[in-house]
């Protein structure tokens, strides 16, 4: 069997990924306590969902478009402003997080400039962390969901921005999601339980992908955090082929009675 030896640099890159995730995390209880502070933010479901019950896959729905139990709950909270989250919806969010569903907090703020007279001399400095939403740009260093977004501090001078307004009638700007997007979690990733080099090497010496159950060439083996909210810690890692790791849905094992009760409570 081929052996893939992992260097400490690679180990540290996994650890850095989880540490960076912790740095962008806001705890659910902290968020609810500070709803006023985050009132201009909304809940966004990021995970793809595959619901499983009694070892049967009920659905496979990208971003949960189907009317199954999990999707009913997701539709209740998705795109909802934080200031309107009530106690029952808090329970839904907590349940989804416990299931490992990835949820983020995104800024709702959008500012429209439809006149060059509104563009002051210090515009770039004031809005340097904002991006332009309504105009596509090429050859920028930032990308967001397939659309290139130009950050305000990439402009050389305010004349360039004024020209955009003249050519497009207006510009719409919002806070850059990479700077103002938070990961919602119920707890921080326990970095002290992070897997070490020996454990990673053992996983990468596994020849069969844990999802597709196919033989995987050593160069295509990857380490996956099963529940991405828990990070690369013991009992939460598996070896996946590159294809499965990049396309996998969340495999949700549910207690139907709990979810049905939540749904009835909301009716």
C-alpha atoms as a PDB file:
ATOM      1  CA  UNK A   1       0.000   0.000   0.000  1.00  0.00           C
ATOM      2  CA  UNK A   2       1.292   3.433  -0.897  1.00  0.00           C
ATOM      3  CA  UNK A   3       2.132   5.719   1.964  1.00  0.00           C
ATOM      4  CA  UNK A   4       1.485   9.447   1.903  1.00  0.00           C
ATOM      5  CA  UNK A   5       3.626  11.238   4.476  1.00  0.00           C
ATOM      6  CA  UNK A   6       2.263  14.529   5.774  1.00  0.00           C
ATOM      7  CA  UNK A   7       4.594  17.306   6.868  1.00  0.00           C
ATOM      8  CA  UNK A   8       3.883  19.537   9.867  1.00  0.00           C
ATOM      9  CA  UNK A   9       3.264  22.418   7.446  1.00  0.00           C
ATOM     10  CA  UNK A  10       0.266  20.528   6.085  1.00  0.00           C
ATOM     11  CA  UNK A  11      -0.947  19.699   9.582  1.00  0.00           C
ATOM     12  CA  UNK A  12      -0.676  23.351  10.577  1.00  0.00           C
ATOM     13  CA  UNK A  13      -2.648  24.407   7.495  1.00  0.00           C
ATOM     14  CA  UNK A  14      -5.641  22.340   8.703  1.00  0.00           C
ATOM     15  CA  UNK A  15      -5.237  23.830  12.169  1.00  0.00           C
ATOM     16  CA  UNK A  16      -5.031  27.358  10.736  1.00  0.00           C
ATOM     17  CA  UNK A  17      -8.226  26.759   8.754  1.00  0.00           C
ATOM     18  CA  UNK A  18     -10.110  25.852  11.930  1.00  0.00           C
ATOM     19  CA  UNK A  19      -8.522  28.709  13.895  1.00  0.00           C
ATOM     20  CA  UNK A  20      -9.553  31.184  11.181  1.00  0.00           C
ATOM     21  CA  UNK A  21     -13.069  29.760  11.346  1.00  0.00           C
ATOM     22  CA  UNK A  22     -13.116  30.361  15.109  1.00  0.00           C
ATOM     23  CA  UNK A  23     -12.013  33.958  14.534  1.00  0.00           C
ATOM     24  CA  UNK A  24     -15.042  34.516  12.268  1.00  0.00           C
ATOM     25  CA  UNK A  25     -17.471  32.678  14.548  1.00  0.00           C
ATOM     26  CA  UNK A  26     -20.231  34.307  16.546  1.00  0.00           C
ATOM     27  CA  UNK A  27     -21.905  32.106  19.132  1.00  0.00           C
ATOM     28  CA  UNK A  28     -25.657  31.742  18.760  1.00  0.00           C
ATOM     29  CA  UNK A  29     -26.413  32.795  22.341  1.00  0.00           C
ATOM     30  CA  UNK A  30     -24.159  35.851  21.998  1.00  0.00           C
ATOM     31  CA  UNK A  31     -25.965  36.767  18.788  1.00  0.00           C
ATOM     32  CA  UNK A  32     -29.404  36.527  20.375  1.00  0.00           C
ATOM     33  CA  UNK A  33     -28.349  38.573  23.401  1.00  0.00           C
ATOM     34  CA  UNK A  34     -27.001  41.276  21.065  1.00  0.00           C
ATOM     35  CA  UNK A  35     -29.842  41.287  18.525  1.00  0.00           C
ATOM     36  CA  UNK A  36     -29.940  45.081  18.496  1.00  0.00           C
ATOM     37  CA  UNK A  37     -26.282  45.254  17.472  1.00  0.00           C
ATOM     38  CA  UNK A  38     -26.862  42.841  14.580  1.00  0.00           C
ATOM     39  CA  UNK A  39     -30.339  43.990  13.571  1.00  0.00           C
ATOM     40  CA  UNK A  40     -29.149  44.817  10.041  1.00  0.00           C
ATOM     41  CA  UNK A  41     -27.919  41.266   9.489  1.00  0.00           C
ATOM     42  CA  UNK A  42     -29.787  38.234   8.182  1.00  0.00           C
ATOM     43  CA  UNK A  43     -29.557  34.448   8.500  1.00  0.00           C
ATOM     44  CA  UNK A  44     -28.255  32.593   5.433  1.00  0.00           C
ATOM     45  CA  UNK A  45     -28.206  28.796   5.086  1.00  0.00           C
ATOM     46  CA  UNK A  46     -25.052  27.703   3.266  1.00  0.00           C
ATOM     47  CA  UNK A  47     -25.186  23.894   3.470  1.00  0.00           C
ATOM     48  CA  UNK A  48     -26.611  21.591   0.861  1.00  0.00           C
ATOM     49  CA  UNK A  49     -28.956  19.168   2.586  1.00  0.00           C
ATOM     50  CA  UNK A  50     -29.602  15.459   2.284  1.00  0.00           C
ATOM     51  CA  UNK A  51     -32.015  14.214   4.927  1.00  0.00           C
ATOM     52  CA  UNK A  52     -31.678  10.638   6.129  1.00  0.00           C
ATOM     53  CA  UNK A  53     -34.066   8.651   8.302  1.00  0.00           C
ATOM     54  CA  UNK A  54     -33.800   4.952   9.145  1.00  0.00           C
ATOM     55  CA  UNK A  55     -30.923   4.689   6.627  1.00  0.00           C
ATOM     56  CA  UNK A  56     -33.143   5.911   3.767  1.00  0.00           C
ATOM     57  CA  UNK A  57     -32.332   9.111   1.898  1.00  0.00           C
ATOM     58  CA  UNK A  58     -35.575  11.082   1.830  1.00  0.00           C
ATOM     59  CA  UNK A  59     -34.414  13.870  -0.437  1.00  0.00           C
ATOM     60  CA  UNK A  60     -31.382  15.386  -2.072  1.00  0.00           C
ATOM     61  CA  UNK A  61     -32.103  19.079  -2.387  1.00  0.00           C
ATOM     62  CA  UNK A  62     -29.542  21.766  -3.142  1.00  0.00           C
ATOM     63  CA  UNK A  63     -30.040  24.495  -0.557  1.00  0.00           C
ATOM     64  CA  UNK A  64     -33.065  22.515   0.552  1.00  0.00           C
ATOM     65  CA  UNK A  65     -35.703  23.457  -2.014  1.00  0.00           C
ATOM     66  CA  UNK A  66     -37.975  20.506  -1.250  1.00  0.00           C
ATOM     67  CA  UNK A  67     -40.832  20.285   1.262  1.00  0.00           C
ATOM     68  CA  UNK A  68     -39.330  17.778   3.706  1.00  0.00           C
ATOM     69  CA  UNK A  69     -39.054  18.258   7.452  1.00  0.00           C
ATOM     70  CA  UNK A  70     -35.608  19.859   7.509  1.00  0.00           C
ATOM     71  CA  UNK A  71     -36.478  22.140   4.603  1.00  0.00           C
ATOM     72  CA  UNK A  72     -39.638  23.334   6.313  1.00  0.00           C
ATOM     73  CA  UNK A  73     -37.536  24.495   9.246  1.00  0.00           C
ATOM     74  CA  UNK A  74     -34.888  26.035   7.012  1.00  0.00           C
ATOM     75  CA  UNK A  75     -37.452  28.043   5.060  1.00  0.00           C
ATOM     76  CA  UNK A  76     -38.722  29.531   8.321  1.00  0.00           C
ATOM     77  CA  UNK A  77     -35.362  31.083   9.238  1.00  0.00           C
ATOM     78  CA  UNK A  78     -33.491  31.502   5.932  1.00  0.00           C
ATOM     79  CA  UNK A  79     -33.040  35.191   4.983  1.00  0.00           C
ATOM     80  CA  UNK A  80     -34.694  36.306   8.218  1.00  0.00           C
ATOM     81  CA  UNK A  81     -33.408  39.447   9.920  1.00  0.00           C
ATOM     82  CA  UNK A  82     -31.835  38.864  13.320  1.00  0.00           C
ATOM     83  CA  UNK A  83     -34.013  41.448  15.042  1.00  0.00           C
ATOM     84  CA  UNK A  84     -37.112  39.350  14.246  1.00  0.00           C
ATOM     85  CA  UNK A  85     -35.793  36.001  15.530  1.00  0.00           C
ATOM     86  CA  UNK A  86     -38.079  34.728  18.309  1.00  0.00           C
ATOM     87  CA  UNK A  87     -37.640  31.957  20.895  1.00  0.00           C
ATOM     88  CA  UNK A  88     -39.081  29.223  18.667  1.00  0.00           C
ATOM     89  CA  UNK A  89     -36.890  30.214  15.743  1.00  0.00           C
ATOM     90  CA  UNK A  90     -33.905  30.242  18.084  1.00  0.00           C
ATOM     91  CA  UNK A  91     -34.658  26.573  18.815  1.00  0.00           C
ATOM     92  CA  UNK A  92     -34.773  25.845  15.080  1.00  0.00           C
ATOM     93  CA  UNK A  93     -31.396  27.489  14.500  1.00  0.00           C
ATOM     94  CA  UNK A  94     -29.870  25.595  17.419  1.00  0.00           C
ATOM     95  CA  UNK A  95     -31.221  22.288  16.124  1.00  0.00           C
ATOM     96  CA  UNK A  96     -29.868  22.935  12.624  1.00  0.00           C
ATOM     97  CA  UNK A  97     -26.457  23.852  14.046  1.00  0.00           C
ATOM     98  CA  UNK A  98     -26.427  20.694  16.177  1.00  0.00           C
ATOM     99  CA  UNK A  99     -27.087  18.741  12.971  1.00  0.00           C
ATOM    100  CA  UNK A 100     -24.021  20.352  11.408  1.00  0.00           C
ATOM    101  CA  UNK A 101     -25.824  22.649   8.993  1.00  0.00           C
ATOM    102  CA  UNK A 102     -23.634  25.614   8.039  1.00  0.00           C
ATOM    103  CA  UNK A 103     -25.304  28.964   8.739  1.00  0.00           C
ATOM    104  CA  UNK A 104     -23.810  32.423   8.340  1.00  0.00           C
ATOM    105  CA  UNK A 105     -24.749  35.925   9.344  1.00  0.00           C
ATOM    106  CA  UNK A 106     -24.644  38.432   6.481  1.00  0.00           C
ATOM    107  CA  UNK A 107     -24.994  42.197   6.445  1.00  0.00           C
ATOM    108  CA  UNK A 108     -28.185  43.597   4.922  1.00  0.00           C
ATOM    109  CA  UNK A 109     -26.841  47.106   4.487  1.00  0.00           C
ATOM    110  CA  UNK A 110     -26.939  48.449   0.931  1.00  0.00           C
ATOM    111  CA  UNK A 111     -26.255  52.064  -0.007  1.00  0.00           C
ATOM    112  CA  UNK A 112     -27.303  53.562  -3.345  1.00  0.00           C
ATOM    113  CA  UNK A 113     -25.419  56.432  -4.988  1.00  0.00           C
ATOM    114  CA  UNK A 114     -27.297  57.760  -8.000  1.00  0.00           C
ATOM    115  CA  UNK A 115     -25.620  61.157  -8.241  1.00  0.00           C
ATOM    116  CA  UNK A 116     -21.984  62.127  -8.592  1.00  0.00           C
ATOM    117  CA  UNK A 117     -22.671  64.967  -6.182  1.00  0.00           C
ATOM    118  CA  UNK A 118     -22.979  62.396  -3.410  1.00  0.00           C
ATOM    119  CA  UNK A 119     -19.397  61.246  -3.938  1.00  0.00           C
ATOM    120  CA  UNK A 120     -17.228  63.234  -1.550  1.00  0.00           C
ATOM    121  CA  UNK A 121     -13.455  63.569  -1.655  1.00  0.00           C
ATOM    122  CA  UNK A 122     -12.980  61.025   1.171  1.00  0.00           C
ATOM    123  CA  UNK A 123     -15.476  58.510  -0.270  1.00  0.00           C
ATOM    124  CA  UNK A 124     -12.836  55.808  -0.856  1.00  0.00           C
ATOM    125  CA  UNK A 125     -11.528  56.042   2.694  1.00  0.00           C
ATOM    126  CA  UNK A 126     -15.012  55.954   4.260  1.00  0.00           C
ATOM    127  CA  UNK A 127     -16.235  52.983   2.203  1.00  0.00           C
ATOM    128  CA  UNK A 128     -12.933  51.168   1.627  1.00  0.00           C
ATOM    129  CA  UNK A 129     -14.321  47.858   2.933  1.00  0.00           C
ATOM    130  CA  UNK A 130     -17.436  47.975   0.744  1.00  0.00           C
ATOM    131  CA  UNK A 131     -18.017  46.326  -2.637  1.00  0.00           C
ATOM    132  CA  UNK A 132     -20.090  47.410  -5.631  1.00  0.00           C
ATOM    133  CA  UNK A 133     -23.019  45.025  -6.109  1.00  0.00           C
ATOM    134  CA  UNK A 134     -24.746  46.036  -9.330  1.00  0.00           C
ATOM    135  CA  UNK A 135     -21.786  46.149 -11.733  1.00  0.00           C
ATOM    136  CA  UNK A 136     -19.609  43.218 -12.799  1.00  0.00           C
ATOM    137  CA  UNK A 137     -15.856  43.685 -13.035  1.00  0.00           C
ATOM    138  CA  UNK A 138     -13.110  41.649 -14.640  1.00  0.00           C
ATOM    139  CA  UNK A 139      -9.602  40.992 -13.378  1.00  0.00           C
ATOM    140  CA  UNK A 140     -10.296  41.856  -9.760  1.00  0.00           C
ATOM    141  CA  UNK A 141      -8.767  40.035  -6.818  1.00  0.00           C
ATOM    142  CA  UNK A 142     -12.163  39.441  -5.196  1.00  0.00           C
ATOM    143  CA  UNK A 143     -14.876  37.037  -6.333  1.00  0.00           C
ATOM    144  CA  UNK A 144     -18.256  36.260  -4.807  1.00  0.00           C
ATOM    145  CA  UNK A 145     -20.550  33.450  -6.016  1.00  0.00           C
ATOM    146  CA  UNK A 146     -19.241  33.603  -9.560  1.00  0.00           C
ATOM    147  CA  UNK A 147     -19.543  37.363  -9.864  1.00  0.00           C
ATOM    148  CA  UNK A 148     -16.500  39.600  -9.602  1.00  0.00           C
ATOM    149  CA  UNK A 149     -17.024  42.368  -7.085  1.00  0.00           C
ATOM    150  CA  UNK A 150     -14.721  45.347  -6.957  1.00  0.00           C
ATOM    151  CA  UNK A 151     -13.822  46.631  -3.516  1.00  0.00           C
ATOM    152  CA  UNK A 152     -13.906  50.403  -3.135  1.00  0.00           C
ATOM    153  CA  UNK A 153     -10.295  50.638  -2.011  1.00  0.00           C
ATOM    154  CA  UNK A 154      -9.222  49.114  -5.352  1.00  0.00           C
ATOM    155  CA  UNK A 155     -10.133  52.359  -7.130  1.00  0.00           C
ATOM    156  CA  UNK A 156      -7.358  54.842  -7.803  1.00  0.00           C
ATOM    157  CA  UNK A 157      -9.480  57.955  -7.382  1.00  0.00           C
ATOM    158  CA  UNK A 158     -13.063  59.126  -6.976  1.00  0.00           C
ATOM    159  CA  UNK A 159     -13.295  60.159 -10.642  1.00  0.00           C
ATOM    160  CA  UNK A 160     -13.396  56.484 -11.576  1.00  0.00           C
ATOM    161  CA  UNK A 161     -16.359  55.976  -9.263  1.00  0.00           C
ATOM    162  CA  UNK A 162     -18.159  59.043 -10.607  1.00  0.00           C
ATOM    163  CA  UNK A 163     -17.695  57.712 -14.132  1.00  0.00           C
ATOM    164  CA  UNK A 164     -19.365  54.440 -13.110  1.00  0.00           C
ATOM    165  CA  UNK A 165     -22.401  56.354 -11.834  1.00  0.00           C
ATOM    166  CA  UNK A 166     -22.639  58.294 -15.097  1.00  0.00           C
ATOM    167  CA  UNK A 167     -22.375  55.132 -17.181  1.00  0.00           C
ATOM    168  CA  UNK A 168     -24.705  52.955 -15.074  1.00  0.00           C
ATOM    169  CA  UNK A 169     -27.008  55.577 -13.517  1.00  0.00           C
ATOM    170  CA  UNK A 170     -26.139  54.390 -10.019  1.00  0.00           C
ATOM    171  CA  UNK A 171     -23.894  52.197  -7.923  1.00  0.00           C
ATOM    172  CA  UNK A 172     -25.071  50.003  -5.052  1.00  0.00           C
ATOM    173  CA  UNK A 173     -22.503  49.189  -2.391  1.00  0.00           C
ATOM    174  CA  UNK A 174     -22.545  46.849   0.595  1.00  0.00           C
ATOM    175  CA  UNK A 175     -20.101  45.633   3.201  1.00  0.00           C
ATOM    176  CA  UNK A 176     -17.658  43.049   1.868  1.00  0.00           C
ATOM    177  CA  UNK A 177     -18.937  39.626   2.945  1.00  0.00           C
ATOM    178  CA  UNK A 178     -15.413  38.322   3.635  1.00  0.00           C
ATOM    179  CA  UNK A 179     -14.951  41.085   6.197  1.00  0.00           C
ATOM    180  CA  UNK A 180     -18.474  41.343   7.598  1.00  0.00           C
ATOM    181  CA  UNK A 181     -19.802  37.798   7.414  1.00  0.00           C
ATOM    182  CA  UNK A 182     -19.929  35.678  10.553  1.00  0.00           C
ATOM    183  CA  UNK A 183     -20.171  31.912  11.007  1.00  0.00           C
ATOM    184  CA  UNK A 184     -22.894  31.016  13.516  1.00  0.00           C
ATOM    185  CA  UNK A 185     -22.056  28.165  15.884  1.00  0.00           C
ATOM    186  CA  UNK A 186     -23.116  26.920  19.292  1.00  0.00           C
ATOM    187  CA  UNK A 187     -19.497  26.481  20.421  1.00  0.00           C
ATOM    188  CA  UNK A 188     -15.997  27.211  19.190  1.00  0.00           C
ATOM    189  CA  UNK A 189     -13.928  24.499  17.526  1.00  0.00           C
ATOM    190  CA  UNK A 190     -11.825  22.771  20.189  1.00  0.00           C
ATOM    191  CA  UNK A 191      -8.354  23.372  18.752  1.00  0.00           C
ATOM    192  CA  UNK A 192      -6.785  21.417  21.643  1.00  0.00           C
ATOM    193  CA  UNK A 193      -8.419  18.259  20.263  1.00  0.00           C
ATOM    194  CA  UNK A 194      -7.055  18.834  16.753  1.00  0.00           C
ATOM    195  CA  UNK A 195      -5.812  15.650  15.070  1.00  0.00           C
ATOM    196  CA  UNK A 196      -2.056  15.266  14.654  1.00  0.00           C
ATOM    197  CA  UNK A 197       0.262  14.150  11.880  1.00  0.00           C
ATOM    198  CA  UNK A 198       0.025  10.427  12.675  1.00  0.00           C
ATOM    199  CA  UNK A 199      -3.768  10.427  12.565  1.00  0.00           C
ATOM    200  CA  UNK A 200      -3.807  12.347   9.281  1.00  0.00           C
ATOM    201  CA  UNK A 201      -1.296   9.931   7.755  1.00  0.00           C
ATOM    202  CA  UNK A 202      -3.406   6.970   8.865  1.00  0.00           C
ATOM    203  CA  UNK A 203      -6.465   8.503   7.205  1.00  0.00           C
ATOM    204  CA  UNK A 204      -4.596   9.220   3.989  1.00  0.00           C
ATOM    205  CA  UNK A 205      -3.415   5.619   3.876  1.00  0.00           C
ATOM    206  CA  UNK A 206      -7.071   4.562   3.662  1.00  0.00           C
ATOM    207  CA  UNK A 207      -7.666   3.418   0.092  1.00  0.00           C
ATOM    208  CA  UNK A 208     -11.489   3.665  -0.067  1.00  0.00           C
ATOM    209  CA  UNK A 209     -13.437   6.928  -0.028  1.00  0.00           C
ATOM    210  CA  UNK A 210     -15.861   7.016   2.893  1.00  0.00           C
ATOM    211  CA  UNK A 211     -18.732   8.385   0.741  1.00  0.00           C
ATOM    212  CA  UNK A 212     -18.557   6.773  -2.696  1.00  0.00           C
ATOM    213  CA  UNK A 213     -16.773   3.632  -1.398  1.00  0.00           C
ATOM    214  CA  UNK A 214     -14.514   3.653  -4.450  1.00  0.00           C
ATOM    215  CA  UNK A 215     -10.777   3.032  -4.508  1.00  0.00           C
ATOM    216  CA  UNK A 216      -8.996   6.394  -4.404  1.00  0.00           C
ATOM    217  CA  UNK A 217      -5.532   7.035  -5.774  1.00  0.00           C
ATOM    218  CA  UNK A 218      -3.238   8.438  -3.114  1.00  0.00           C
ATOM    219  CA  UNK A 219      -2.890  11.830  -4.834  1.00  0.00           C
ATOM    220  CA  UNK A 220      -6.691  12.274  -4.751  1.00  0.00           C
ATOM    221  CA  UNK A 221      -7.188  11.519  -1.037  1.00  0.00           C
ATOM    222  CA  UNK A 222      -8.283  14.366   1.216  1.00  0.00           C
ATOM    223  CA  UNK A 223      -9.135  14.897   4.889  1.00  0.00           C
ATOM    224  CA  UNK A 224     -12.729  15.979   5.496  1.00  0.00           C
ATOM    225  CA  UNK A 225     -14.321  17.371   8.653  1.00  0.00           C
ATOM    226  CA  UNK A 226     -17.589  15.418   8.786  1.00  0.00           C
ATOM    227  CA  UNK A 227     -19.347  18.187  10.699  1.00  0.00           C
ATOM    228  CA  UNK A 228     -17.610  21.334   9.471  1.00  0.00           C
ATOM    229  CA  UNK A 229     -18.746  23.227  12.559  1.00  0.00           C
ATOM    230  CA  UNK A 230     -16.662  20.925  14.785  1.00  0.00           C
ATOM    231  CA  UNK A 231     -13.478  21.159  12.713  1.00  0.00           C
ATOM    232  CA  UNK A 232     -10.676  18.647  12.204  1.00  0.00           C
ATOM    233  CA  UNK A 233     -10.882  16.989  15.616  1.00  0.00           C
ATOM    234  CA  UNK A 234     -10.829  13.329  16.612  1.00  0.00           C
ATOM    235  CA  UNK A 235     -14.034  11.389  15.766  1.00  0.00           C
ATOM    236  CA  UNK A 236     -15.018  14.089  13.232  1.00  0.00           C
ATOM    237  CA  UNK A 237     -12.688  13.315  10.314  1.00  0.00           C
ATOM    238  CA  UNK A 238     -12.755  10.964   7.359  1.00  0.00           C
ATOM    239  CA  UNK A 239     -10.887  10.317   4.127  1.00  0.00           C
ATOM    240  CA  UNK A 240     -12.762  11.410   1.024  1.00  0.00           C
ATOM    241  CA  UNK A 241     -11.731  11.500  -2.599  1.00  0.00           C
ATOM    242  CA  UNK A 242     -11.382  15.001  -4.016  1.00  0.00           C
ATOM    243  CA  UNK A 243     -14.665  14.762  -5.933  1.00  0.00           C
ATOM    244  CA  UNK A 244     -16.733  13.731  -2.909  1.00  0.00           C
ATOM    245  CA  UNK A 245     -15.055  16.319  -0.696  1.00  0.00           C
ATOM    246  CA  UNK A 246     -15.878  19.114  -3.113  1.00  0.00           C
ATOM    247  CA  UNK A 247     -19.457  18.042  -3.869  1.00  0.00           C
ATOM    248  CA  UNK A 248     -20.719  16.273  -0.749  1.00  0.00           C
ATOM    249  CA  UNK A 249     -24.070  17.178   0.738  1.00  0.00           C
ATOM    250  CA  UNK A 250     -24.610  17.246   4.460  1.00  0.00           C
ATOM    251  CA  UNK A 251     -25.946  13.864   5.508  1.00  0.00           C
ATOM    252  CA  UNK A 252     -28.537  14.768   8.140  1.00  0.00           C
ATOM    253  CA  UNK A 253     -29.735  12.074  10.560  1.00  0.00           C
ATOM    254  CA  UNK A 254     -32.874  13.371  12.240  1.00  0.00           C
ATOM    255  CA  UNK A 255     -35.273  12.644  15.055  1.00  0.00           C
ATOM    256  CA  UNK A 256     -38.588  13.191  13.284  1.00  0.00           C
ATOM    257  CA  UNK A 257     -40.554  13.575  16.519  1.00  0.00           C
ATOM    258  CA  UNK A 258     -38.461  16.574  17.612  1.00  0.00           C
ATOM    259  CA  UNK A 259     -38.800  18.316  14.255  1.00  0.00           C
ATOM    260  CA  UNK A 260     -42.533  17.623  13.924  1.00  0.00           C
ATOM    261  CA  UNK A 261     -43.095  19.088  17.399  1.00  0.00           C
ATOM    262  CA  UNK A 262     -41.151  22.220  16.433  1.00  0.00           C
ATOM    263  CA  UNK A 263     -43.229  22.620  13.288  1.00  0.00           C
ATOM    264  CA  UNK A 264     -46.526  22.219  15.168  1.00  0.00           C
ATOM    265  CA  UNK A 265     -45.362  24.730  17.802  1.00  0.00           C
ATOM    266  CA  UNK A 266     -44.906  27.271  15.001  1.00  0.00           C
ATOM    267  CA  UNK A 267     -48.348  26.779  13.497  1.00  0.00           C
END
